[in-house]
Amino acid sequence: MTTISHVQGCQPSSMLDYATSLLASNSTFTDQIHRMDRAVDAAMDTWQGEATAAASARNLSESLTASHIDTAVIAIAKAHSSHGGVLNLVAPIR
């Protein structure tokens, strides 16, 4: 159970730092996904038939999953940034 002393000891600015770090990591993640897309596209230039269809379907599936992860991570970072900012404003009022 959360106690008053625990809440008073919290540092809201750490939420802002976490949001910044999370967005930086997410940027690295999305860069890697874009590289994967380009690599699969380049590889499929030399493939034919079922191999091309399977790679294309898999790449689309992975890209959609990555897009969902990206959206969720951005929402989490925005929530931490927003709430951390508000808590940072009221923290000195204690």
PDB file of N, CA and C in Angstrom:
ATOM      1  N   MET A   1       0.840  -1.176   0.000  1.00  0.00           N
ATOM      2  CA  MET A   1       0.000   0.000   0.000  1.00  0.00           C
ATOM      3  C   MET A   1       0.885   1.239   0.000  1.00  0.00           C
ATOM      4  N   THR A   2       0.475   2.220  -0.767  1.00  0.00           N
ATOM      5  CA  THR A   2       1.212   3.467  -0.845  1.00  0.00           C
ATOM      6  C   THR A   2       0.939   4.315   0.391  1.00  0.00           C
ATOM      7  N   THR A   3       2.012   4.836   0.950  1.00  0.00           N
ATOM      8  CA  THR A   3       1.874   5.668   2.150  1.00  0.00           C
ATOM      9  C   THR A   3       2.088   7.137   1.793  1.00  0.00           C
ATOM     10  N   ILE A   4       1.694   8.016   2.681  1.00  0.00           N
ATOM     11  CA  ILE A   4       1.879   9.450   2.458  1.00  0.00           C
ATOM     12  C   ILE A   4       3.363   9.777   2.333  1.00  0.00           C
ATOM     13  N   SER A   5       4.183   9.156   3.176  1.00  0.00           N
ATOM     14  CA  SER A   5       5.620   9.438   3.106  1.00  0.00           C
ATOM     15  C   SER A   5       6.216   8.966   1.775  1.00  0.00           C
ATOM     16  N   HIS A   6       5.681   7.869   1.237  1.00  0.00           N
ATOM     17  CA  HIS A   6       6.143   7.394  -0.069  1.00  0.00           C
ATOM     18  C   HIS A   6       5.813   8.420  -1.150  1.00  0.00           C
ATOM     19  N   VAL A   7       4.593   8.908  -1.143  1.00  0.00           N
ATOM     20  CA  VAL A   7       4.169   9.909  -2.127  1.00  0.00           C
ATOM     21  C   VAL A   7       4.989  11.183  -1.967  1.00  0.00           C
ATOM     22  N   GLN A   8       5.203  11.605  -0.733  1.00  0.00           N
ATOM     23  CA  GLN A   8       5.983  12.822  -0.502  1.00  0.00           C
ATOM     24  C   GLN A   8       7.431  12.661  -0.945  1.00  0.00           C
ATOM     25  N   GLY A   9       7.926  11.439  -0.904  1.00  0.00           N
ATOM     26  CA  GLY A   9       9.306  11.186  -1.313  1.00  0.00           C
ATOM     27  C   GLY A   9       9.501  11.032  -2.815  1.00  0.00           C
ATOM     28  N   CYS A  10       8.418  10.987  -3.554  1.00  0.00           N
ATOM     29  CA  CYS A  10       8.518  10.827  -5.007  1.00  0.00           C
ATOM     30  C   CYS A  10       9.113  12.074  -5.662  1.00  0.00           C
ATOM     31  N   GLN A  11       9.779  11.844  -6.754  1.00  0.00           N
ATOM     32  CA  GLN A  11      10.367  12.946  -7.510  1.00  0.00           C
ATOM     33  C   GLN A  11       9.708  12.973  -8.894  1.00  0.00           C
ATOM     34  N   PRO A  12       8.706  13.829  -9.070  1.00  0.00           N
ATOM     35  CA  PRO A  12       7.973  13.869 -10.343  1.00  0.00           C
ATOM     36  C   PRO A  12       8.856  14.117 -11.562  1.00  0.00           C
ATOM     37  N   SER A  13       9.952  14.818 -11.345  1.00  0.00           N
ATOM     38  CA  SER A  13      10.830  15.094 -12.492  1.00  0.00           C
ATOM     39  C   SER A  13      11.400  13.797 -13.074  1.00  0.00           C
ATOM     40  N   SER A  14      11.464  12.731 -12.269  1.00  0.00           N
ATOM     41  CA  SER A  14      11.951  11.453 -12.789  1.00  0.00           C
ATOM     42  C   SER A  14      11.001  10.903 -13.845  1.00  0.00           C
ATOM     43  N   MET A  15       9.716  11.264 -13.760  1.00  0.00           N
ATOM     44  CA  MET A  15       8.758  10.842 -14.776  1.00  0.00           C
ATOM     45  C   MET A  15       9.070  11.522 -16.106  1.00  0.00           C
ATOM     46  N   LEU A  16       9.506  12.762 -16.038  1.00  0.00           N
ATOM     47  CA  LEU A  16       9.869  13.486 -17.255  1.00  0.00           C
ATOM     48  C   LEU A  16      11.128  12.881 -17.879  1.00  0.00           C
ATOM     49  N   ASP A  17      12.093  12.545 -17.034  1.00  0.00           N
ATOM     50  CA  ASP A  17      13.320  11.903 -17.517  1.00  0.00           C
ATOM     51  C   ASP A  17      13.008  10.555 -18.162  1.00  0.00           C
ATOM     52  N   TYR A  18      12.113   9.801 -17.518  1.00  0.00           N
ATOM     53  CA  TYR A  18      11.720   8.489 -18.044  1.00  0.00           C
ATOM     54  C   TYR A  18      11.050   8.653 -19.410  1.00  0.00           C
ATOM     55  N   ALA A  19      10.153   9.629 -19.540  1.00  0.00           N
ATOM     56  CA  ALA A  19       9.462   9.859 -20.812  1.00  0.00           C
ATOM     57  C   ALA A  19      10.461  10.185 -21.919  1.00  0.00           C
ATOM     58  N   THR A  20      11.429  11.026 -21.606  1.00  0.00           N
ATOM     59  CA  THR A  20      12.454  11.395 -22.586  1.00  0.00           C
ATOM     60  C   THR A  20      13.264  10.175 -23.007  1.00  0.00           C
ATOM     61  N   SER A  21      13.663   9.376 -22.031  1.00  0.00           N
ATOM     62  CA  SER A  21      14.435   8.166 -22.316  1.00  0.00           C
ATOM     63  C   SER A  21      13.617   7.159 -23.122  1.00  0.00           C
ATOM     64  N   LEU A  22      12.359   7.020 -22.771  1.00  0.00           N
ATOM     65  CA  LEU A  22      11.476   6.088 -23.473  1.00  0.00           C
ATOM     66  C   LEU A  22      11.318   6.501 -24.937  1.00  0.00           C
ATOM     67  N   LEU A  23      11.137   7.786 -25.188  1.00  0.00           N
ATOM     68  CA  LEU A  23      10.995   8.262 -26.569  1.00  0.00           C
ATOM     69  C   LEU A  23      12.286   8.060 -27.367  1.00  0.00           C
ATOM     70  N   ALA A  24      13.422   8.246 -26.719  1.00  0.00           N
ATOM     71  CA  ALA A  24      14.702   8.024 -27.401  1.00  0.00           C
ATOM     72  C   ALA A  24      14.862   6.552 -27.776  1.00  0.00           C
ATOM     73  N   SER A  25      14.518   5.666 -26.852  1.00  0.00           N
ATOM     74  CA  SER A  25      14.596   4.231 -27.140  1.00  0.00           C
ATOM     75  C   SER A  25      13.604   3.838 -28.230  1.00  0.00           C
ATOM     76  N   ASN A  26      12.433   4.437 -28.197  1.00  0.00           N
ATOM     77  CA  ASN A  26      11.428   4.143 -29.215  1.00  0.00           C
ATOM     78  C   ASN A  26      11.896   4.600 -30.591  1.00  0.00           C
ATOM     79  N   SER A  27      12.596   5.707 -30.634  1.00  0.00           N
ATOM     80  CA  SER A  27      13.136   6.187 -31.901  1.00  0.00           C
ATOM     81  C   SER A  27      14.133   5.184 -32.481  1.00  0.00           C
ATOM     82  N   THR A  28      14.971   4.631 -31.622  1.00  0.00           N
ATOM     83  CA  THR A  28      15.918   3.599 -32.054  1.00  0.00           C
ATOM     84  C   THR A  28      15.167   2.374 -32.574  1.00  0.00           C
ATOM     85  N   PHE A  29      14.121   1.989 -31.864  1.00  0.00           N
ATOM     86  CA  PHE A  29      13.301   0.849 -32.268  1.00  0.00           C
ATOM     87  C   PHE A  29      12.687   1.083 -33.651  1.00  0.00           C
ATOM     88  N   THR A  30      12.080   2.242 -33.857  1.00  0.00           N
ATOM     89  CA  THR A  30      11.439   2.504 -35.151  1.00  0.00           C
ATOM     90  C   THR A  30      12.471   2.604 -36.272  1.00  0.00           C
ATOM     91  N   ASP A  31      13.654   3.125 -35.977  1.00  0.00           N
ATOM     92  CA  ASP A  31      14.723   3.142 -36.984  1.00  0.00           C
ATOM     93  C   ASP A  31      15.085   1.722 -37.409  1.00  0.00           C
ATOM     94  N   GLN A  32      15.174   0.820 -36.440  1.00  0.00           N
ATOM     95  CA  GLN A  32      15.494  -0.580 -36.749  1.00  0.00           C
ATOM     96  C   GLN A  32      14.394  -1.233 -37.583  1.00  0.00           C
ATOM     97  N   ILE A  33      13.156  -0.908 -37.286  1.00  0.00           N
ATOM     98  CA  ILE A  33      12.039  -1.456 -38.064  1.00  0.00           C
ATOM     99  C   ILE A  33      12.116  -0.965 -39.506  1.00  0.00           C
ATOM    100  N   HIS A  34      12.439   0.305 -39.699  1.00  0.00           N
ATOM    101  CA  HIS A  34      12.562   0.834 -41.060  1.00  0.00           C
ATOM    102  C   HIS A  34      13.706   0.142 -41.808  1.00  0.00           C
ATOM    103  N   ARG A  35      14.795  -0.117 -41.099  1.00  0.00           N
ATOM    104  CA  ARG A  35      15.915  -0.834 -41.722  1.00  0.00           C
ATOM    105  C   ARG A  35      15.495  -2.241 -42.121  1.00  0.00           C
ATOM    106  N   MET A  36      14.722  -2.897 -41.246  1.00  0.00           N
ATOM    107  CA  MET A  36      14.236  -4.232 -41.560  1.00  0.00           C
ATOM    108  C   MET A  36      13.377  -4.194 -42.819  1.00  0.00           C
ATOM    109  N   ASP A  37      12.486  -3.214 -42.902  1.00  0.00           N
ATOM    110  CA  ASP A  37      11.622  -3.090 -44.080  1.00  0.00           C
ATOM    111  C   ASP A  37      12.447  -2.964 -45.360  1.00  0.00           C
ATOM    112  N   ARG A  38      13.455  -2.107 -45.312  1.00  0.00           N
ATOM    113  CA  ARG A  38      14.296  -1.906 -46.492  1.00  0.00           C
ATOM    114  C   ARG A  38      15.077  -3.173 -46.835  1.00  0.00           C
ATOM    115  N   ALA A  39      15.583  -3.861 -45.825  1.00  0.00           N
ATOM    116  CA  ALA A  39      16.353  -5.085 -46.068  1.00  0.00           C
ATOM    117  C   ALA A  39      15.476  -6.178 -46.674  1.00  0.00           C
ATOM    118  N   VAL A  40      14.258  -6.318 -46.171  1.00  0.00           N
ATOM    119  CA  VAL A  40      13.354  -7.334 -46.720  1.00  0.00           C
ATOM    120  C   VAL A  40      12.978  -6.966 -48.150  1.00  0.00           C
ATOM    121  N   ASP A  41      12.691  -5.689 -48.384  1.00  0.00           N
ATOM    122  CA  ASP A  41      12.362  -5.263 -49.748  1.00  0.00           C
ATOM    123  C   ASP A  41      13.508  -5.563 -50.715  1.00  0.00           C
ATOM    124  N   ALA A  42      14.725  -5.275 -50.274  1.00  0.00           N
ATOM    125  CA  ALA A  42      15.887  -5.533 -51.129  1.00  0.00           C
ATOM    126  C   ALA A  42      16.073  -7.028 -51.373  1.00  0.00           C
ATOM    127  N   ALA A  43      15.866  -7.825 -50.342  1.00  0.00           N
ATOM    128  CA  ALA A  43      16.023  -9.273 -50.498  1.00  0.00           C
ATOM    129  C   ALA A  43      14.960  -9.848 -51.434  1.00  0.00           C
ATOM    130  N   MET A  44      13.764  -9.322 -51.366  1.00  0.00           N
ATOM    131  CA  MET A  44      12.677  -9.853 -52.185  1.00  0.00           C
ATOM    132  C   MET A  44      12.850  -9.530 -53.666  1.00  0.00           C
ATOM    133  N   ASP A  45      13.714  -8.568 -53.982  1.00  0.00           N
ATOM    134  CA  ASP A  45      13.969  -8.253 -55.390  1.00  0.00           C
ATOM    135  C   ASP A  45      14.516  -9.454 -56.148  1.00  0.00           C
ATOM    136  N   THR A  46      15.184 -10.344 -55.429  1.00  0.00           N
ATOM    137  CA  THR A  46      15.791 -11.506 -56.096  1.00  0.00           C
ATOM    138  C   THR A  46      15.001 -12.794 -55.871  1.00  0.00           C
ATOM    139  N   TRP A  47      13.940 -12.733 -55.099  1.00  0.00           N
ATOM    140  CA  TRP A  47      13.130 -13.914 -54.813  1.00  0.00           C
ATOM    141  C   TRP A  47      11.949 -14.000 -55.757  1.00  0.00           C
ATOM    142  N   GLN A  48      11.390 -15.203 -55.825  1.00  0.00           N
ATOM    143  CA  GLN A  48      10.223 -15.416 -56.681  1.00  0.00           C
ATOM    144  C   GLN A  48       9.247 -16.358 -55.999  1.00  0.00           C
ATOM    145  N   GLY A  49       8.028 -16.324 -56.443  1.00  0.00           N
ATOM    146  CA  GLY A  49       7.017 -17.291 -56.026  1.00  0.00           C
ATOM    147  C   GLY A  49       6.620 -17.205 -54.565  1.00  0.00           C
ATOM    148  N   GLU A  50       6.466 -18.387 -53.970  1.00  0.00           N
ATOM    149  CA  GLU A  50       5.968 -18.480 -52.598  1.00  0.00           C
ATOM    150  C   GLU A  50       6.898 -17.835 -51.576  1.00  0.00           C
ATOM    151  N   ALA A  51       8.194 -17.877 -51.828  1.00  0.00           N
ATOM    152  CA  ALA A  51       9.150 -17.267 -50.896  1.00  0.00           C
ATOM    153  C   ALA A  51       8.906 -15.763 -50.802  1.00  0.00           C
ATOM    154  N   THR A  52       8.667 -15.138 -51.947  1.00  0.00           N
ATOM    155  CA  THR A  52       8.404 -13.697 -51.959  1.00  0.00           C
ATOM    156  C   THR A  52       7.103 -13.379 -51.231  1.00  0.00           C
ATOM    157  N   ALA A  53       6.069 -14.163 -51.507  1.00  0.00           N
ATOM    158  CA  ALA A  53       4.768 -13.938 -50.862  1.00  0.00           C
ATOM    159  C   ALA A  53       4.873 -14.132 -49.351  1.00  0.00           C
ATOM    160  N   ALA A  54       5.579 -15.163 -48.920  1.00  0.00           N
ATOM    161  CA  ALA A  54       5.726 -15.428 -47.482  1.00  0.00           C
ATOM    162  C   ALA A  54       6.523 -14.323 -46.796  1.00  0.00           C
ATOM    163  N   ALA A  55       7.607 -13.891 -47.421  1.00  0.00           N
ATOM    164  CA  ALA A  55       8.420 -12.819 -46.832  1.00  0.00           C
ATOM    165  C   ALA A  55       7.639 -11.515 -46.776  1.00  0.00           C
ATOM    166  N   SER A  56       6.881 -11.247 -47.813  1.00  0.00           N
ATOM    167  CA  SER A  56       6.084 -10.023 -47.847  1.00  0.00           C
ATOM    168  C   SER A  56       5.016 -10.035 -46.755  1.00  0.00           C
ATOM    169  N   ALA A  57       4.344 -11.159 -46.587  1.00  0.00           N
ATOM    170  CA  ALA A  57       3.308 -11.277 -45.549  1.00  0.00           C
ATOM    171  C   ALA A  57       3.918 -11.147 -44.161  1.00  0.00           C
ATOM    172  N   ARG A  58       5.051 -11.789 -43.958  1.00  0.00           N
ATOM    173  CA  ARG A  58       5.717 -11.726 -42.654  1.00  0.00           C
ATOM    174  C   ARG A  58       6.184 -10.304 -42.362  1.00  0.00           C
ATOM    175  N   ASN A  59       6.744  -9.650 -43.363  1.00  0.00           N
ATOM    176  CA  ASN A  59       7.217  -8.282 -43.178  1.00  0.00           C
ATOM    177  C   ASN A  59       6.053  -7.342 -42.853  1.00  0.00           C
ATOM    178  N   LEU A  60       4.932  -7.514 -43.537  1.00  0.00           N
ATOM    179  CA  LEU A  60       3.763  -6.693 -43.250  1.00  0.00           C
ATOM    180  C   LEU A  60       3.281  -6.926 -41.825  1.00  0.00           C
ATOM    181  N   SER A  61       3.241  -8.184 -41.402  1.00  0.00           N
ATOM    182  CA  SER A  61       2.812  -8.517 -40.044  1.00  0.00           C
ATOM    183  C   SER A  61       3.738  -7.893 -38.996  1.00  0.00           C
ATOM    184  N   GLU A  62       5.024  -8.014 -39.220  1.00  0.00           N
ATOM    185  CA  GLU A  62       6.002  -7.449 -38.282  1.00  0.00           C
ATOM    186  C   GLU A  62       5.917  -5.925 -38.253  1.00  0.00           C
ATOM    187  N   SER A  63       5.713  -5.311 -39.399  1.00  0.00           N
ATOM    188  CA  SER A  63       5.608  -3.853 -39.461  1.00  0.00           C
ATOM    189  C   SER A  63       4.356  -3.353 -38.740  1.00  0.00           C
ATOM    190  N   LEU A  64       3.244  -4.059 -38.904  1.00  0.00           N
ATOM    191  CA  LEU A  64       2.016  -3.669 -38.210  1.00  0.00           C
ATOM    192  C   LEU A  64       2.165  -3.820 -36.699  1.00  0.00           C
ATOM    193  N   THR A  65       2.782  -4.897 -36.282  1.00  0.00           N
ATOM    194  CA  THR A  65       3.023  -5.108 -34.852  1.00  0.00           C
ATOM    195  C   THR A  65       3.917  -4.003 -34.296  1.00  0.00           C
ATOM    196  N   ALA A  66       4.962  -3.673 -35.030  1.00  0.00           N
ATOM    197  CA  ALA A  66       5.876  -2.608 -34.604  1.00  0.00           C
ATOM    198  C   ALA A  66       5.152  -1.270 -34.521  1.00  0.00           C
ATOM    199  N   SER A  67       4.245  -1.031 -35.449  1.00  0.00           N
ATOM    200  CA  SER A  67       3.477   0.215 -35.430  1.00  0.00           C
ATOM    201  C   SER A  67       2.603   0.301 -34.178  1.00  0.00           C
ATOM    202  N   HIS A  68       2.011  -0.821 -33.798  1.00  0.00           N
ATOM    203  CA  HIS A  68       1.201  -0.844 -32.573  1.00  0.00           C
ATOM    204  C   HIS A  68       2.066  -0.600 -31.340  1.00  0.00           C
ATOM    205  N   ILE A  69       3.241  -1.205 -31.319  1.00  0.00           N
ATOM    206  CA  ILE A  69       4.168  -1.002 -30.197  1.00  0.00           C
ATOM    207  C   ILE A  69       4.583   0.469 -30.138  1.00  0.00           C
ATOM    208  N   ASP A  70       4.934   1.025 -31.275  1.00  0.00           N
ATOM    209  CA  ASP A  70       5.336   2.434 -31.356  1.00  0.00           C
ATOM    210  C   ASP A  70       4.230   3.345 -30.812  1.00  0.00           C
ATOM    211  N   THR A  71       3.001   3.104 -31.230  1.00  0.00           N
ATOM    212  CA  THR A  71       1.871   3.918 -30.770  1.00  0.00           C
ATOM    213  C   THR A  71       1.684   3.798 -29.264  1.00  0.00           C
ATOM    214  N   ALA A  72       1.785   2.588 -28.737  1.00  0.00           N
ATOM    215  CA  ALA A  72       1.614   2.372 -27.300  1.00  0.00           C
ATOM    216  C   ALA A  72       2.731   3.045 -26.502  1.00  0.00           C
ATOM    217  N   VAL A  73       3.958   2.920 -26.960  1.00  0.00           N
ATOM    218  CA  VAL A  73       5.092   3.513 -26.251  1.00  0.00           C
ATOM    219  C   VAL A  73       4.978   5.040 -26.237  1.00  0.00           C
ATOM    220  N   ILE A  74       4.569   5.616 -27.357  1.00  0.00           N
ATOM    221  CA  ILE A  74       4.391   7.067 -27.403  1.00  0.00           C
ATOM    222  C   ILE A  74       3.309   7.503 -26.421  1.00  0.00           C
ATOM    223  N   ALA A  75       2.216   6.755 -26.348  1.00  0.00           N
ATOM    224  CA  ALA A  75       1.137   7.089 -25.404  1.00  0.00           C
ATOM    225  C   ALA A  75       1.625   7.006 -23.963  1.00  0.00           C
ATOM    226  N   ILE A  76       2.418   5.996 -23.649  1.00  0.00           N
ATOM    227  CA  ILE A  76       2.960   5.841 -22.294  1.00  0.00           C
ATOM    228  C   ILE A  76       3.895   7.008 -21.967  1.00  0.00           C
ATOM    229  N   ALA A  77       4.756   7.349 -22.922  1.00  0.00           N
ATOM    230  CA  ALA A  77       5.689   8.464 -22.696  1.00  0.00           C
ATOM    231  C   ALA A  77       4.937   9.782 -22.517  1.00  0.00           C
ATOM    232  N   LYS A  78       3.900   9.996 -23.321  1.00  0.00           N
ATOM    233  CA  LYS A  78       3.110  11.226 -23.182  1.00  0.00           C
ATOM    234  C   LYS A  78       2.427  11.286 -21.818  1.00  0.00           C
ATOM    235  N   ALA A  79       1.916  10.153 -21.354  1.00  0.00           N
ATOM    236  CA  ALA A  79       1.259  10.121 -20.042  1.00  0.00           C
ATOM    237  C   ALA A  79       2.258  10.446 -18.937  1.00  0.00           C
ATOM    238  N   HIS A  80       3.444   9.857 -18.999  1.00  0.00           N
ATOM    239  CA  HIS A  80       4.462  10.146 -17.983  1.00  0.00           C
ATOM    240  C   HIS A  80       4.880  11.618 -18.030  1.00  0.00           C
ATOM    241  N   SER A  81       5.042  12.130 -19.233  1.00  0.00           N
ATOM    242  CA  SER A  81       5.449  13.522 -19.375  1.00  0.00           C
ATOM    243  C   SER A  81       4.366  14.465 -18.852  1.00  0.00           C
ATOM    244  N   SER A  82       3.136  14.186 -19.213  1.00  0.00           N
ATOM    245  CA  SER A  82       2.025  15.034 -18.787  1.00  0.00           C
ATOM    246  C   SER A  82       1.826  14.985 -17.273  1.00  0.00           C
ATOM    247  N   HIS A  83       1.748  13.779 -16.741  1.00  0.00           N
ATOM    248  CA  HIS A  83       1.516  13.636 -15.302  1.00  0.00           C
ATOM    249  C   HIS A  83       2.722  14.093 -14.486  1.00  0.00           C
ATOM    250  N   GLY A  84       3.907  13.801 -14.996  1.00  0.00           N
ATOM    251  CA  GLY A  84       5.109  14.273 -14.304  1.00  0.00           C
ATOM    252  C   GLY A  84       5.175  15.786 -14.267  1.00  0.00           C
ATOM    253  N   GLY A  85       4.766  16.422 -15.367  1.00  0.00           N
ATOM    254  CA  GLY A  85       4.756  17.880 -15.409  1.00  0.00           C
ATOM    255  C   GLY A  85       3.778  18.474 -14.414  1.00  0.00           C
ATOM    256  N   VAL A  86       2.594  17.885 -14.329  1.00  0.00           N
ATOM    257  CA  VAL A  86       1.582  18.367 -13.377  1.00  0.00           C
ATOM    258  C   VAL A  86       2.061  18.142 -11.950  1.00  0.00           C
ATOM    259  N   LEU A  87       2.569  16.949 -11.671  1.00  0.00           N
ATOM    260  CA  LEU A  87       3.052  16.656 -10.317  1.00  0.00           C
ATOM    261  C   LEU A  87       4.236  17.540  -9.944  1.00  0.00           C
ATOM    262  N   ASN A  88       5.046  17.850 -10.927  1.00  0.00           N
ATOM    263  CA  ASN A  88       6.191  18.725 -10.690  1.00  0.00           C
ATOM    264  C   ASN A  88       5.731  20.121 -10.268  1.00  0.00           C
ATOM    265  N   LEU A  89       4.607  20.551 -10.814  1.00  0.00           N
ATOM    266  CA  LEU A  89       4.061  21.875 -10.462  1.00  0.00           C
ATOM    267  C   LEU A  89       3.503  21.900  -9.035  1.00  0.00           C
ATOM    268  N   VAL A  90       2.877  20.796  -8.632  1.00  0.00           N
ATOM    269  CA  VAL A  90       2.254  20.776  -7.304  1.00  0.00           C
ATOM    270  C   VAL A  90       3.177  20.242  -6.211  1.00  0.00           C
ATOM    271  N   ALA A  91       4.293  19.641  -6.586  1.00  0.00           N
ATOM    272  CA  ALA A  91       5.202  19.061  -5.596  1.00  0.00           C
ATOM    273  C   ALA A  91       5.685  20.070  -4.560  1.00  0.00           C
ATOM    274  N   PRO A  92       6.034  21.301  -4.955  1.00  0.00           N
ATOM    275  CA  PRO A  92       6.512  22.262  -3.953  1.00  0.00           C
ATOM    276  C   PRO A  92       5.422  22.690  -2.965  1.00  0.00           C
ATOM    277  N   ILE A  93       4.165  22.415  -3.278  1.00  0.00           N
ATOM    278  CA  ILE A  93       3.073  22.842  -2.424  1.00  0.00           C
ATOM    279  C   ILE A  93       3.003  22.024  -1.134  1.00  0.00           C
ATOM    280  N   ARG A  94       3.567  20.859  -1.111  1.00  0.00           N
ATOM    281  CA  ARG A  94       3.499  19.957   0.048  1.00  0.00           C
ATOM    282  C   ARG A  94       3.612  20.684   1.285  1.00  0.00           C
TER     283      ARG A  94
END
